[in-house]
Protein backbone atom coordinates (compact mmCIF):
# COMPACT_ATOMS: atom_id res chain seq x y z
CA MET A 1 120.40 143.74 37.83
CA ALA A 2 118.84 145.94 35.15
CA GLU A 3 115.20 146.96 35.33
CA PRO A 4 112.96 145.07 32.87
CA SER A 5 111.95 146.93 29.71
CA ALA A 6 108.55 148.59 29.47
CA LEU A 7 107.38 145.94 26.99
CA ARG A 8 108.50 143.11 29.30
CA ARG A 9 106.64 144.71 32.22
CA GLN A 10 103.48 145.07 30.12
CA LEU A 11 103.65 141.41 29.13
CA ASP A 12 103.98 140.62 32.85
CA GLY A 13 100.66 142.40 33.54
CA TYR A 14 101.70 146.00 34.19
CA ARG A 15 99.24 148.60 32.91
CA LEU A 16 99.56 152.27 32.11
CA THR A 17 98.30 153.93 35.28
CA THR A 18 97.42 157.59 35.67
CA ALA A 19 96.73 159.19 39.03
CA GLU A 20 95.22 162.64 39.52
CA ILE A 21 96.52 163.79 42.89
CA LEU A 22 94.86 166.72 44.64
CA TYR A 23 96.90 168.23 47.45
CA ARG A 24 96.75 171.27 49.70
CA LEU A 25 99.24 174.07 49.24
CA PRO A 26 101.40 174.33 52.39
CA ASP A 27 101.10 178.14 52.67
CA HIS A 28 97.40 178.22 51.67
CA PRO A 29 95.72 175.02 52.96
CA ALA A 30 92.31 176.08 51.60
CA VAL A 31 93.71 175.97 48.04
CA LEU A 32 93.96 172.65 46.19
CA GLN A 33 96.56 171.98 43.51
CA THR A 34 96.59 169.12 40.98
CA TYR A 35 99.51 166.83 40.17
CA VAL A 36 99.22 164.18 37.43
CA TRP A 37 101.35 161.05 37.87
CA GLN A 38 101.72 158.38 35.17
CA GLU A 39 103.68 155.12 35.24
CA LEU A 40 103.38 151.40 34.46
CA ASP A 41 101.88 149.68 37.52
CA LEU A 42 100.12 146.47 38.59
CA ALA A 43 96.37 146.78 39.15
CA PRO A 44 94.60 146.54 41.57
CA GLU A 45 97.34 146.77 44.25
CA TYR A 46 99.30 149.58 42.51
CA PRO A 47 102.64 149.02 44.31
CA VAL A 48 104.49 151.68 42.29
CA LEU A 49 101.82 154.32 43.01
CA ARG A 50 101.74 153.35 46.69
CA ARG A 51 105.53 153.81 46.94
CA PHE A 52 105.19 157.22 45.30
CA LEU A 53 102.39 158.26 47.68
CA ASP A 54 104.42 157.02 50.68
CA PHE A 55 107.33 159.14 49.45
CA TRP A 56 104.96 162.11 49.02
CA THR A 57 103.64 161.88 52.59
CA ARG A 58 107.18 161.60 54.03
CA GLN A 59 109.03 164.17 51.90
CA ILE A 60 106.59 166.72 50.41
CA GLU A 61 104.88 169.42 52.46
CA GLY A 62 101.63 169.50 50.47
CA ARG A 63 99.12 167.34 52.37
CA LEU A 64 97.20 164.90 50.15
CA HIS A 65 93.51 165.61 49.66
CA SER A 66 92.49 162.87 47.22
CA VAL A 67 93.81 160.53 44.54
CA ARG A 68 91.87 159.35 41.46
CA VAL A 69 93.31 156.41 39.55
CA ALA A 70 92.71 155.22 35.99
CA SER A 71 94.43 152.18 34.49
CA VAL A 72 94.45 150.55 31.07
CA GLY A 73 96.38 147.66 29.60
CA ILE A 74 98.31 148.64 26.48
CA VAL A 75 99.73 145.27 25.46
CA SER A 76 98.67 141.88 26.72
CA PRO A 77 100.34 138.53 26.07
CA ALA A 78 97.39 137.44 23.89
CA GLU A 79 97.88 140.48 21.61
CA TRP A 80 101.65 140.05 21.24
CA ARG A 81 102.79 137.98 18.25
CA HIS A 82 106.04 137.58 16.42
CA ALA A 83 105.91 138.51 12.75
CA GLN A 84 105.72 135.52 10.40
CA ALA A 85 107.04 137.45 7.40
CA LEU A 86 108.64 140.76 6.55
CA ALA A 87 107.93 142.55 3.28
CA SER A 88 109.51 145.69 1.91
CA LEU A 89 107.85 147.99 -0.64
CA HIS A 90 109.79 150.48 -2.74
């Protein structure tokens, strides 16, 4: 089955979610590096981000230090309307 479109997911409540991930460099644990992750996700559980962070802890050597999350809805069902008319100007 195909994955739903971004618009369909937004109408279902997904929001644009950005996570600032600070992690320790494997060879220099005193040094922190930043990784910015962005995806459509469901607040406040953030299942997509949680899957990504689970993958990170299993597969990536850089140990997580902290994660800051920001989320905003782009389109909501109340804002979505079908056009009643279409006009063309020359």
